[in-house]
PDB file of N, CA and C in Angstrom:
ATOM      1  N   MET A   1    -199.057  -3.410-146.344  1.00  0.00           N
ATOM      2  CA  MET A   1    -199.736  -3.407-147.619  1.00  0.00           C
ATOM      3  C   MET A   1    -200.800  -4.507-147.569  1.00  0.00           C
ATOM      4  N   VAL A   2    -202.043  -4.137-147.784  1.00  0.00           N
ATOM      5  CA  VAL A   2    -203.144  -5.099-147.777  1.00  0.00           C
ATOM      6  C   VAL A   2    -203.446  -5.499-149.214  1.00  0.00           C
ATOM      7  N   ASP A   3    -203.531  -6.801-149.437  1.00  0.00           N
ATOM      8  CA  ASP A   3    -203.867  -7.339-150.747  1.00  0.00           C
ATOM      9  C   ASP A   3    -204.901  -8.433-150.546  1.00  0.00           C
ATOM     10  N   SER A   4    -206.138  -8.158-150.921  1.00  0.00           N
ATOM     11  CA  SER A   4    -207.243  -9.090-150.746  1.00  0.00           C
ATOM     12  C   SER A   4    -207.426  -9.378-149.251  1.00  0.00           C
ATOM     13  N   GLU A   5    -207.203 -10.588-148.829  1.00  0.00           N
ATOM     14  CA  GLU A   5    -207.378 -10.984-147.427  1.00  0.00           C
ATOM     15  C   GLU A   5    -206.054 -11.141-146.695  1.00  0.00           C
ATOM     16  N   THR A   6    -204.989 -10.560-147.247  1.00  0.00           N
ATOM     17  CA  THR A   6    -203.660 -10.738-146.681  1.00  0.00           C
ATOM     18  C   THR A   6    -203.004  -9.390-146.404  1.00  0.00           C
ATOM     19  N   LEU A   7    -202.361  -9.289-145.249  1.00  0.00           N
ATOM     20  CA  LEU A   7    -201.574  -8.122-144.889  1.00  0.00           C
ATOM     21  C   LEU A   7    -200.103  -8.505-144.962  1.00  0.00           C
ATOM     22  N   TYR A   8    -199.336  -7.765-145.777  1.00  0.00           N
ATOM     23  CA  TYR A   8    -197.894  -7.949-145.876  1.00  0.00           C
ATOM     24  C   TYR A   8    -197.245  -6.743-145.224  1.00  0.00           C
ATOM     25  N   TYR A   9    -196.286  -6.979-144.334  1.00  0.00           N
ATOM     26  CA  TYR A   9    -195.620  -5.859-143.686  1.00  0.00           C
ATOM     27  C   TYR A   9    -194.216  -6.273-143.249  1.00  0.00           C
ATOM     28  N   ALA A  10    -193.404  -5.262-142.939  1.00  0.00           N
ATOM     29  CA  ALA A  10    -192.026  -5.499-142.524  1.00  0.00           C
ATOM     30  C   ALA A  10    -191.715  -4.581-141.350  1.00  0.00           C
ATOM     31  N   ASP A  11    -190.573  -4.842-140.690  1.00  0.00           N
ATOM     32  CA  ASP A  11    -190.204  -4.005-139.555  1.00  0.00           C
ATOM     33  C   ASP A  11    -188.749  -3.559-139.635  1.00  0.00           C
ATOM     34  N   LEU A  12    -188.357  -2.739-138.682  1.00  0.00           N
ATOM     35  CA  LEU A  12    -187.000  -2.202-138.672  1.00  0.00           C
ATOM     36  C   LEU A  12    -185.946  -3.248-138.315  1.00  0.00           C
ATOM     37  N   ASN A  13    -186.372  -4.408-137.856  1.00  0.00           N
ATOM     38  CA  ASN A  13    -185.444  -5.505-137.619  1.00  0.00           C
ATOM     39  C   ASN A  13    -185.178  -6.281-138.906  1.00  0.00           C
ATOM     40  N   GLY A  14    -185.840  -5.881-140.002  1.00  0.00           N
ATOM     41  CA  GLY A  14    -185.622  -6.528-141.288  1.00  0.00           C
ATOM     42  C   GLY A  14    -186.450  -7.779-141.490  1.00  0.00           C
ATOM     43  N   LYS A  15    -187.518  -7.929-140.752  1.00  0.00           N
ATOM     44  CA  LYS A  15    -188.365  -9.111-140.890  1.00  0.00           C
ATOM     45  C   LYS A  15    -189.603  -8.770-141.717  1.00  0.00           C
ATOM     46  N   VAL A  16    -189.981  -9.701-142.596  1.00  0.00           N
ATOM     47  CA  VAL A  16    -191.146  -9.527-143.461  1.00  0.00           C
ATOM     48  C   VAL A  16    -192.188 -10.569-143.058  1.00  0.00           C
ATOM     49  N   TYR A  17    -193.435 -10.112-142.937  1.00  0.00           N
ATOM     50  CA  TYR A  17    -194.522 -10.958-142.455  1.00  0.00           C
ATOM     51  C   TYR A  17    -195.666 -11.002-143.462  1.00  0.00           C
ATOM     52  N   SER A  18    -196.447 -12.072-143.379  1.00  0.00           N
ATOM     53  CA  SER A  18    -197.690 -12.195-144.134  1.00  0.00           C
ATOM     54  C   SER A  18    -198.758 -12.700-143.165  1.00  0.00           C
ATOM     55  N   LEU A  19    -199.827 -11.916-143.022  1.00  0.00           N
ATOM     56  CA  LEU A  19    -200.853 -12.224-142.049  1.00  0.00           C
ATOM     57  C   LEU A  19    -202.197 -12.413-142.739  1.00  0.00           C
ATOM     58  N   ASP A  20    -202.873 -13.525-142.433  1.00  0.00           N
ATOM     59  CA  ASP A  20    -204.213 -13.777-142.942  1.00  0.00           C
ATOM     60  C   ASP A  20    -205.183 -12.931-142.115  1.00  0.00           C
ATOM     61  N   LEU A  21    -205.861 -11.988-142.752  1.00  0.00           N
ATOM     62  CA  LEU A  21    -206.729 -11.064-142.031  1.00  0.00           C
ATOM     63  C   LEU A  21    -207.966 -11.736-141.443  1.00  0.00           C
ATOM     64  N   ALA A  22    -208.444 -12.781-142.068  1.00  0.00           N
ATOM     65  CA  ALA A  22    -209.647 -13.462-141.582  1.00  0.00           C
ATOM     66  C   ALA A  22    -209.380 -14.252-140.300  1.00  0.00           C
ATOM     67  N   THR A  23    -208.218 -14.886-140.216  1.00  0.00           N
ATOM     68  CA  THR A  23    -207.915 -15.743-139.066  1.00  0.00           C
ATOM     69  C   THR A  23    -206.932 -15.119-138.090  1.00  0.00           C
ATOM     70  N   GLY A  24    -206.160 -14.133-138.559  1.00  0.00           N
ATOM     71  CA  GLY A  24    -205.140 -13.525-137.699  1.00  0.00           C
ATOM     72  C   GLY A  24    -203.874 -14.340-137.587  1.00  0.00           C
ATOM     73  N   SER A  25    -203.769 -15.396-138.397  1.00  0.00           N
ATOM     74  CA  SER A  25    -202.575 -16.247-138.328  1.00  0.00           C
ATOM     75  C   SER A  25    -201.570 -15.871-139.420  1.00  0.00           C
ATOM     76  N   GLN A  26    -200.309 -16.184-139.140  1.00  0.00           N
ATOM     77  CA  GLN A  26    -199.261 -15.920-140.119  1.00  0.00           C
ATOM     78  C   GLN A  26    -199.333 -16.951-141.237  1.00  0.00           C
ATOM     79  N   ASN A  27    -199.120 -16.474-142.474  1.00  0.00           N
ATOM     80  CA  ASN A  27    -199.152 -17.358-143.641  1.00  0.00           C
ATOM     81  C   ASN A  27    -197.848 -18.095-143.863  1.00  0.00           C
ATOM     82  N   TRP A  28    -196.752 -17.534-143.388  1.00  0.00           N
ATOM     83  CA  TRP A  28    -195.444 -18.165-143.575  1.00  0.00           C
ATOM     84  C   TRP A  28    -194.543 -17.813-142.405  1.00  0.00           C
ATOM     85  N   ASP A  29    -193.433 -18.557-142.302  1.00  0.00           N
ATOM     86  CA  ASP A  29    -192.420 -18.216-141.317  1.00  0.00           C
ATOM     87  C   ASP A  29    -191.839 -16.862-141.700  1.00  0.00           C
ATOM     88  N   VAL A  30    -191.380 -16.124-140.721  1.00  0.00           N
ATOM     89  CA  VAL A  30    -190.826 -14.797-140.955  1.00  0.00           C
ATOM     90  C   VAL A  30    -189.672 -14.886-141.950  1.00  0.00           C
ATOM     91  N   VAL A  31    -189.672 -13.976-142.927  1.00  0.00           N
ATOM     92  CA  VAL A  31    -188.590 -13.871-143.909  1.00  0.00           C
ATOM     93  C   VAL A  31    -187.705 -12.719-143.457  1.00  0.00           C
ATOM     94  N   GLN A  32    -186.387 -12.916-143.483  1.00  0.00           N
ATOM     95  CA  GLN A  32    -185.494 -11.854-143.034  1.00  0.00           C
ATOM     96  C   GLN A  32    -184.407 -11.583-144.073  1.00  0.00           C
ATOM     97  N   PRO A  33    -184.599 -10.512-144.883  1.00  0.00           N
ATOM     98  CA  PRO A  33    -183.548 -10.103-145.811  1.00  0.00           C
ATOM     99  C   PRO A  33    -182.331  -9.574-145.053  1.00  0.00           C
ATOM    100  N   ASP A  34    -181.452  -8.867-145.743  1.00  0.00           N
ATOM    101  CA  ASP A  34    -180.151  -8.489-145.192  1.00  0.00           C
ATOM    102  C   ASP A  34    -180.110  -7.206-144.368  1.00  0.00           C
ATOM    103  N   GLY A  35    -181.233  -6.610-144.058  1.00  0.00           N
ATOM    104  CA  GLY A  35    -181.184  -5.391-143.265  1.00  0.00           C
ATOM    105  C   GLY A  35    -182.557  -4.853-142.955  1.00  0.00           C
ATOM    106  N   PRO A  36    -182.605  -3.749-142.194  1.00  0.00           N
ATOM    107  CA  PRO A  36    -183.878  -3.140-141.850  1.00  0.00           C
ATOM    108  C   PRO A  36    -184.690  -2.760-143.083  1.00  0.00           C
ATOM    109  N   VAL A  37    -185.999  -2.853-142.944  1.00  0.00           N
ATOM    110  CA  VAL A  37    -186.914  -2.441-144.011  1.00  0.00           C
ATOM    111  C   VAL A  37    -187.629  -1.201-143.495  1.00  0.00           C
ATOM    112  N   VAL A  38    -187.306  -0.039-144.098  1.00  0.00           N
ATOM    113  CA  VAL A  38    -187.898   1.219-143.638  1.00  0.00           C
ATOM    114  C   VAL A  38    -188.974   1.739-144.590  1.00  0.00           C
ATOM    115  N   ALA A  39    -189.078   1.159-145.763  1.00  0.00           N
ATOM    116  CA  ALA A  39    -190.065   1.580-146.757  1.00  0.00           C
ATOM    117  C   ALA A  39    -191.209   0.570-146.798  1.00  0.00           C
ATOM    118  N   SER A  40    -192.287   0.968-147.442  1.00  0.00           N
ATOM    119  CA  SER A  40    -193.414   0.050-147.635  1.00  0.00           C
ATOM    120  C   SER A  40    -193.045  -1.013-148.670  1.00  0.00           C
ATOM    121  N   LEU A  41    -193.777  -2.101-148.631  1.00  0.00           N
ATOM    122  CA  LEU A  41    -193.605  -3.165-149.619  1.00  0.00           C
ATOM    123  C   LEU A  41    -194.401  -2.805-150.864  1.00  0.00           C
ATOM    124  N   LEU A  42    -194.035  -3.404-151.974  1.00  0.00           N
ATOM    125  CA  LEU A  42    -194.762  -3.218-153.231  1.00  0.00           C
ATOM    126  C   LEU A  42    -195.242  -4.585-153.695  1.00  0.00           C
ATOM    127  N   ILE A  43    -196.522  -4.690-154.009  1.00  0.00           N
ATOM    128  CA  ILE A  43    -197.080  -5.943-154.523  1.00  0.00           C
ATOM    129  C   ILE A  43    -197.433  -5.732-155.981  1.00  0.00           C
ATOM    130  N   VAL A  44    -196.883  -6.601-156.839  1.00  0.00           N
ATOM    131  CA  VAL A  44    -197.170  -6.565-158.273  1.00  0.00           C
ATOM    132  C   VAL A  44    -197.379  -8.008-158.723  1.00  0.00           C
ATOM    133  N   GLY A  45    -198.591  -8.310-159.168  1.00  0.00           N
ATOM    134  CA  GLY A  45    -198.882  -9.674-159.606  1.00  0.00           C
ATOM    135  C   GLY A  45    -198.686 -10.657-158.472  1.00  0.00           C
ATOM    136  N   ASP A  46    -197.858 -11.654-158.699  1.00  0.00           N
ATOM    137  CA  ASP A  46    -197.610 -12.691-157.695  1.00  0.00           C
ATOM    138  C   ASP A  46    -196.346 -12.447-156.886  1.00  0.00           C
ATOM    139  N   GLN A  47    -195.770 -11.236-156.986  1.00  0.00           N
ATOM    140  CA  GLN A  47    -194.532 -10.963-156.272  1.00  0.00           C
ATOM    141  C   GLN A  47    -194.683  -9.796-155.306  1.00  0.00           C
ATOM    142  N   ILE A  48    -193.960  -9.900-154.199  1.00  0.00           N
ATOM    143  CA  ILE A  48    -193.882  -8.846-153.198  1.00  0.00           C
ATOM    144  C   ILE A  48    -192.443  -8.349-153.222  1.00  0.00           C
ATOM    145  N   TYR A  49    -192.274  -7.038-153.431  1.00  0.00           N
ATOM    146  CA  TYR A  49    -190.941  -6.455-153.513  1.00  0.00           C
ATOM    147  C   TYR A  49    -190.604  -5.764-152.203  1.00  0.00           C
ATOM    148  N   VAL A  50    -189.400  -6.070-151.705  1.00  0.00           N
ATOM    149  CA  VAL A  50    -188.927  -5.546-150.437  1.00  0.00           C
ATOM    150  C   VAL A  50    -187.591  -4.854-150.688  1.00  0.00           C
ATOM    151  N   ALA A  51    -187.471  -3.605-150.263  1.00  0.00           N
ATOM    152  CA  ALA A  51    -186.213  -2.873-150.373  1.00  0.00           C
ATOM    153  C   ALA A  51    -185.631  -2.720-148.967  1.00  0.00           C
ATOM    154  N   THR A  52    -184.343  -3.016-148.826  1.00  0.00           N
ATOM    155  CA  THR A  52    -183.731  -2.945-147.505  1.00  0.00           C
ATOM    156  C   THR A  52    -182.797  -1.745-147.383  1.00  0.00           C
ATOM    157  N   GLU A  53    -182.587  -1.337-146.158  1.00  0.00           N
ATOM    158  CA  GLU A  53    -181.659  -0.245-145.893  1.00  0.00           C
ATOM    159  C   GLU A  53    -180.244  -0.623-146.325  1.00  0.00           C
ATOM    160  N   ALA A  54    -179.950  -1.907-146.397  1.00  0.00           N
ATOM    161  CA  ALA A  54    -178.634  -2.384-146.822  1.00  0.00           C
ATOM    162  C   ALA A  54    -178.438  -2.264-148.336  1.00  0.00           C
ATOM    163  N   GLY A  55    -179.479  -1.819-149.065  1.00  0.00           N
ATOM    164  CA  GLY A  55    -179.343  -1.605-150.501  1.00  0.00           C
ATOM    165  C   GLY A  55    -179.703  -2.793-151.366  1.00  0.00           C
ATOM    166  N   THR A  56    -180.548  -3.668-150.859  1.00  0.00           N
ATOM    167  CA  THR A  56    -180.946  -4.862-151.600  1.00  0.00           C
ATOM    168  C   THR A  56    -182.428  -4.777-151.963  1.00  0.00           C
ATOM    169  N   LEU A  57    -182.746  -5.220-153.169  1.00  0.00           N
ATOM    170  CA  LEU A  57    -184.132  -5.362-153.604  1.00  0.00           C
ATOM    171  C   LEU A  57    -184.422  -6.845-153.692  1.00  0.00           C
ATOM    172  N   VAL A  58    -185.456  -7.282-152.985  1.00  0.00           N
ATOM    173  CA  VAL A  58    -185.806  -8.698-152.908  1.00  0.00           C
ATOM    174  C   VAL A  58    -187.211  -8.888-153.454  1.00  0.00           C
ATOM    175  N   ALA A  59    -187.390  -9.895-154.295  1.00  0.00           N
ATOM    176  CA  ALA A  59    -188.716 -10.279-154.781  1.00  0.00           C
ATOM    177  C   ALA A  59    -189.094 -11.587-154.102  1.00  0.00           C
ATOM    178  N   LEU A  60    -190.239 -11.578-153.420  1.00  0.00           N
ATOM    179  CA  LEU A  60    -190.768 -12.779-152.772  1.00  0.00           C
ATOM    180  C   LEU A  60    -192.008 -13.233-153.512  1.00  0.00           C
ATOM    181  N   ASP A  61    -192.290 -14.539-153.460  1.00  0.00           N
ATOM    182  CA  ASP A  61    -193.564 -15.005-153.999  1.00  0.00           C
ATOM    183  C   ASP A  61    -194.605 -14.952-152.873  1.00  0.00           C
ATOM    184  N   ARG A  62    -195.826 -15.322-153.170  1.00  0.00           N
ATOM    185  CA  ARG A  62    -196.914 -15.239-152.189  1.00  0.00           C
ATOM    186  C   ARG A  62    -196.781 -16.251-151.051  1.00  0.00           C
ATOM    187  N   GLU A  63    -195.822 -17.175-151.198  1.00  0.00           N
ATOM    188  CA  GLU A  63    -195.564 -18.171-150.150  1.00  0.00           C
ATOM    189  C   GLU A  63    -194.391 -17.773-149.260  1.00  0.00           C
ATOM    190  N   GLY A  64    -193.782 -16.587-149.533  1.00  0.00           N
ATOM    191  CA  GLY A  64    -192.664 -16.118-148.725  1.00  0.00           C
ATOM    192  C   GLY A  64    -191.308 -16.627-149.161  1.00  0.00           C
ATOM    193  N   LYS A  65    -191.250 -17.237-150.324  1.00  0.00           N
ATOM    194  CA  LYS A  65    -189.971 -17.737-150.844  1.00  0.00           C
ATOM    195  C   LYS A  65    -189.317 -16.666-151.719  1.00  0.00           C
ATOM    196  N   THR A  66    -187.997 -16.571-151.625  1.00  0.00           N
ATOM    197  CA  THR A  66    -187.271 -15.594-152.419  1.00  0.00           C
ATOM    198  C   THR A  66    -187.254 -16.019-153.876  1.00  0.00           C
ATOM    199  N   VAL A  67    -187.742 -15.152-154.756  1.00  0.00           N
ATOM    200  CA  VAL A  67    -187.722 -15.384-156.204  1.00  0.00           C
ATOM    201  C   VAL A  67    -186.386 -14.915-156.755  1.00  0.00           C
ATOM    202  N   TRP A  68    -185.977 -13.721-156.352  1.00  0.00           N
ATOM    203  CA  TRP A  68    -184.661 -13.189-156.690  1.00  0.00           C
ATOM    204  C   TRP A  68    -184.287 -12.097-155.707  1.00  0.00           C
ATOM    205  N   GLU A  69    -182.990 -11.796-155.694  1.00  0.00           N
ATOM    206  CA  GLU A  69    -182.448 -10.782-154.802  1.00  0.00           C
ATOM    207  C   GLU A  69    -181.323 -10.067-155.530  1.00  0.00           C
ATOM    208  N   LYS A  70    -181.359  -8.731-155.543  1.00  0.00           N
ATOM    209  CA  LYS A  70    -180.351  -7.942-156.249  1.00  0.00           C
ATOM    210  C   LYS A  70    -179.755  -6.904-155.310  1.00  0.00           C
ATOM    211  N   THR A  71    -178.434  -6.787-155.352  1.00  0.00           N
ATOM    212  CA  THR A  71    -177.761  -5.731-154.619  1.00  0.00           C
ATOM    213  C   THR A  71    -177.796  -4.482-155.485  1.00  0.00           C
ATOM    214  N   VAL A  72    -178.575  -3.508-155.081  1.00  0.00           N
ATOM    215  CA  VAL A  72    -178.717  -2.260-155.821  1.00  0.00           C
ATOM    216  C   VAL A  72    -177.554  -1.339-155.502  1.00  0.00           C
ATOM    217  N   GLY A  73    -177.164  -1.303-154.238  1.00  0.00           N
ATOM    218  CA  GLY A  73    -176.113  -0.416-153.771  1.00  0.00           C
ATOM    219  C   GLY A  73    -176.701   0.711-152.952  1.00  0.00           C
ATOM    220  N   GLY A  74    -175.850   1.412-152.254  1.00  0.00           N
ATOM    221  CA  GLY A  74    -176.316   2.489-151.398  1.00  0.00           C
ATOM    222  C   GLY A  74    -177.241   1.958-150.322  1.00  0.00           C
ATOM    223  N   LYS A  75    -178.163   2.801-149.917  1.00  0.00           N
ATOM    224  CA  LYS A  75    -179.178   2.438-148.936  1.00  0.00           C
ATOM    225  C   LYS A  75    -180.531   2.791-149.532  1.00  0.00           C
ATOM    226  N   ILE A  76    -181.511   1.935-149.309  1.00  0.00           N
ATOM    227  CA  ILE A  76    -182.828   2.198-149.880  1.00  0.00           C
ATOM    228  C   ILE A  76    -183.803   2.520-148.747  1.00  0.00           C
ATOM    229  N   TYR A  77    -184.269   3.773-148.759  1.00  0.00           N
ATOM    230  CA  TYR A  77    -185.214   4.251-147.749  1.00  0.00           C
ATOM    231  C   TYR A  77    -186.603   4.487-148.325  1.00  0.00           C
ATOM    232  N   THR A  78    -186.744   4.400-149.646  1.00  0.00           N
ATOM    233  CA  THR A  78    -188.023   4.687-150.283  1.00  0.00           C
ATOM    234  C   THR A  78    -188.672   3.412-150.806  1.00  0.00           C
ATOM    235  N   THR A  79    -189.975   3.466-150.943  1.00  0.00           N
ATOM    236  CA  THR A  79    -190.739   2.332-151.441  1.00  0.00           C
ATOM    237  C   THR A  79    -190.481   2.124-152.930  1.00  0.00           C
ATOM    238  N   PRO A  80    -190.245   0.876-153.365  1.00  0.00           N
ATOM    239  CA  PRO A  80    -190.152   0.621-154.810  1.00  0.00           C
ATOM    240  C   PRO A  80    -191.459   1.030-155.484  1.00  0.00           C
ATOM    241  N   VAL A  81    -191.365   1.434-156.748  1.00  0.00           N
ATOM    242  CA  VAL A  81    -192.520   1.937-157.488  1.00  0.00           C
ATOM    243  C   VAL A  81    -192.643   1.176-158.805  1.00  0.00           C
ATOM    244  N   LEU A  82    -193.875   0.859-159.188  1.00  0.00           N
ATOM    245  CA  LEU A  82    -194.127   0.231-160.476  1.00  0.00           C
ATOM    246  C   LEU A  82    -194.308   1.313-161.533  1.00  0.00           C
ATOM    247  N   SER A  83    -193.567   1.193-162.638  1.00  0.00           N
ATOM    248  CA  SER A  83    -193.708   2.098-163.778  1.00  0.00           C
ATOM    249  C   SER A  83    -193.738   1.234-165.030  1.00  0.00           C
ATOM    250  N   GLY A  84    -194.923   1.084-165.615  1.00  0.00           N
ATOM    251  CA  GLY A  84    -195.054   0.168-166.743  1.00  0.00           C
ATOM    252  C   GLY A  84    -194.792  -1.248-166.272  1.00  0.00           C
ATOM    253  N   ASP A  85    -193.803  -1.902-166.868  1.00  0.00           N
ATOM    254  CA  ASP A  85    -193.423  -3.262-166.468  1.00  0.00           C
ATOM    255  C   ASP A  85    -192.187  -3.289-165.582  1.00  0.00           C
ATOM    256  N   LEU A  86    -191.718  -2.131-165.151  1.00  0.00           N
ATOM    257  CA  LEU A  86    -190.463  -2.055-164.405  1.00  0.00           C
ATOM    258  C   LEU A  86    -190.692  -1.638-162.954  1.00  0.00           C
ATOM    259  N   ILE A  87    -189.814  -2.140-162.092  1.00  0.00           N
ATOM    260  CA  ILE A  87    -189.792  -1.767-160.686  1.00  0.00           C
ATOM    261  C   ILE A  87    -188.666  -0.752-160.523  1.00  0.00           C
ATOM    262  N   LEU A  88    -189.017   0.440-160.033  1.00  0.00           N
ATOM    263  CA  LEU A  88    -188.027   1.499-159.854  1.00  0.00           C
ATOM    264  C   LEU A  88    -187.631   1.608-158.389  1.00  0.00           C
ATOM    265  N   VAL A  89    -186.329   1.764-158.158  1.00  0.00           N
ATOM    266  CA  VAL A  89    -185.815   1.988-156.810  1.00  0.00           C
ATOM    267  C   VAL A  89    -184.875   3.186-156.848  1.00  0.00           C
ATOM    268  N   ALA A  90    -184.896   3.950-155.764  1.00  0.00           N
ATOM    269  CA  ALA A  90    -184.078   5.162-155.674  1.00  0.00           C
ATOM    270  C   ALA A  90    -183.159   5.048-154.459  1.00  0.00           C
ATOM    271  N   PRO A  91    -181.962   4.503-154.658  1.00  0.00           N
ATOM    272  CA  PRO A  91    -181.050   4.335-153.527  1.00  0.00           C
ATOM    273  C   PRO A  91    -180.378   5.652-153.130  1.00  0.00           C
ATOM    274  N   TYR A  92    -179.991   5.734-151.886  1.00  0.00           N
ATOM    275  CA  TYR A  92    -179.267   6.873-151.339  1.00  0.00           C
ATOM    276  C   TYR A  92    -177.796   6.481-151.246  1.00  0.00           C
ATOM    277  N   GLN A  93    -176.908   7.351-151.660  1.00  0.00           N
ATOM    278  CA  GLN A  93    -175.459   7.145-151.629  1.00  0.00           C
ATOM    279  C   GLN A  93    -175.009   6.000-152.532  1.00  0.00           C
ATOM    280  N   ALA A  94    -175.641   5.860-153.680  1.00  0.00           N
ATOM    281  CA  ALA A  94    -175.219   4.875-154.677  1.00  0.00           C
ATOM    282  C   ALA A  94    -174.570   5.615-155.840  1.00  0.00           C
ATOM    283  N   ASP A  95    -174.084   4.877-156.831  1.00  0.00           N
ATOM    284  CA  ASP A  95    -173.465   5.474-158.012  1.00  0.00           C
ATOM    285  C   ASP A  95    -174.500   6.091-158.941  1.00  0.00           C
ATOM    286  N   PHE A  96    -175.776   5.879-158.689  1.00  0.00           N
ATOM    287  CA  PHE A  96    -176.877   6.391-159.499  1.00  0.00           C
ATOM    288  C   PHE A  96    -178.018   6.757-158.560  1.00  0.00           C
ATOM    289  N   VAL A  97    -178.986   7.509-159.062  1.00  0.00           N
ATOM    290  CA  VAL A  97    -180.100   7.932-158.203  1.00  0.00           C
ATOM    291  C   VAL A  97    -181.381   7.155-158.459  1.00  0.00           C
ATOM    292  N   LEU A  98    -181.414   6.391-159.549  1.00  0.00           N
ATOM    293  CA  LEU A  98    -182.604   5.621-159.892  1.00  0.00           C
ATOM    294  C   LEU A  98    -182.187   4.398-160.692  1.00  0.00           C
ATOM    295  N   ALA A  99    -182.817   3.268-160.403  1.00  0.00           N
ATOM    296  CA  ALA A  99    -182.556   2.036-161.150  1.00  0.00           C
ATOM    297  C   ALA A  99    -183.886   1.352-161.446  1.00  0.00           C
ATOM    298  N   ALA A 100    -183.936   0.654-162.578  1.00  0.00           N
ATOM    299  CA  ALA A 100    -185.145  -0.054-162.994  1.00  0.00           C
ATOM    300  C   ALA A 100    -184.835  -1.537-163.166  1.00  0.00           C
ATOM    301  N   TYR A 101    -185.720  -2.374-162.644  1.00  0.00           N
ATOM    302  CA  TYR A 101    -185.575  -3.831-162.742  1.00  0.00           C
ATOM    303  C   TYR A 101    -186.849  -4.411-163.335  1.00  0.00           C
ATOM    304  N   ASP A 102    -186.696  -5.491-164.108  1.00  0.00           N
ATOM    305  CA  ASP A 102    -187.879  -6.170-164.617  1.00  0.00           C
ATOM    306  C   ASP A 102    -188.335  -7.218-163.606  1.00  0.00           C
ATOM    307  N   ALA A 103    -189.423  -7.905-163.892  1.00  0.00           N
ATOM    308  CA  ALA A 103    -190.000  -8.881-162.961  1.00  0.00           C
ATOM    309  C   ALA A 103    -189.091 -10.072-162.706  1.00  0.00           C
ATOM    310  N   ASP A 104    -188.104 -10.286-163.583  1.00  0.00           N
ATOM    311  CA  ASP A 104    -187.153 -11.390-163.405  1.00  0.00           C
ATOM    312  C   ASP A 104    -185.899 -10.951-162.658  1.00  0.00           C
ATOM    313  N   GLY A 105    -185.833  -9.663-162.269  1.00  0.00           N
ATOM    314  CA  GLY A 105    -184.686  -9.173-161.523  1.00  0.00           C
ATOM    315  C   GLY A 105    -183.550  -8.646-162.376  1.00  0.00           C
ATOM    316  N   LYS A 106    -183.774  -8.558-163.678  1.00  0.00           N
ATOM    317  CA  LYS A 106    -182.727  -8.034-164.557  1.00  0.00           C
ATOM    318  C   LYS A 106    -182.783  -6.505-164.528  1.00  0.00           C
ATOM    319  N   GLN A 107    -181.619  -5.892-164.328  1.00  0.00           N
ATOM    320  CA  GLN A 107    -181.560  -4.433-164.325  1.00  0.00           C
ATOM    321  C   GLN A 107    -181.744  -3.912-165.736  1.00  0.00           C
ATOM    322  N   ALA A 108    -182.748  -3.075-165.944  1.00  0.00           N
ATOM    323  CA  ALA A 108    -183.044  -2.534-167.268  1.00  0.00           C
ATOM    324  C   ALA A 108    -182.224  -1.277-167.552  1.00  0.00           C
ATOM    325  N   TRP A 109    -182.068  -0.423-166.530  1.00  0.00           N
ATOM    326  CA  TRP A 109    -181.295   0.796-166.684  1.00  0.00           C
ATOM    327  C   TRP A 109    -181.048   1.453-165.339  1.00  0.00           C
ATOM    328  N   THR A 110    -180.098   2.399-165.327  1.00  0.00           N
ATOM    329  CA  THR A 110    -179.873   3.269-164.178  1.00  0.00           C
ATOM    330  C   THR A 110    -179.829   4.704-164.685  1.00  0.00           C
ATOM    331  N   PHE A 111    -180.054   5.641-163.780  1.00  0.00           N
ATOM    332  CA  PHE A 111    -180.030   7.051-164.140  1.00  0.00           C
ATOM    333  C   PHE A 111    -179.101   7.803-163.225  1.00  0.00           C
ATOM    334  N   VAL A 112    -178.186   8.567-163.845  1.00  0.00           N
ATOM    335  CA  VAL A 112    -177.289   9.463-163.123  1.00  0.00           C
ATOM    336  C   VAL A 112    -177.512  10.870-163.677  1.00  0.00           C
ATOM    337  N   PRO A 113    -177.936  11.819-162.841  1.00  0.00           N
ATOM    338  CA  PRO A 113    -178.185  13.171-163.367  1.00  0.00           C
ATOM    339  C   PRO A 113    -176.875  13.860-163.742  1.00  0.00           C
ATOM    340  N   GLU A 114    -176.980  14.788-164.693  1.00  0.00           N
ATOM    341  CA  GLU A 114    -175.814  15.568-165.075  1.00  0.00           C
ATOM    342  C   GLU A 114    -175.452  16.508-163.944  1.00  0.00           C
ATOM    343  N   LYS A 115    -174.171  16.802-163.841  1.00  0.00           N
ATOM    344  CA  LYS A 115    -173.711  17.712-162.781  1.00  0.00           C
ATOM    345  C   LYS A 115    -173.692  19.124-163.246  1.00  0.00           C
TER     346      LYS A 115
END
């Protein structure tokens, strides 16, 4: 994900990087959440959202420091999405198919479809 002069990206080893495009140097030491990152990152305001295959949603600041971390459950293979003021995640094999979090990491709601 490119934001201004910075490239944010992650790999299947679960490492998150920030690269200065002008100089080619890393902006911070590698950040490593709890599992592989298979989806794209989401940038909203001053936070970078990372979803891991282990079922965790992590919010990082622009310096690579963890702002908050939430165990969503299941496995997350899709990119988090911004909807209004909420970050939506769709975990696989969780008790729900969709969850919404605010910028402070508080869960706003979950959705379970009728059977």
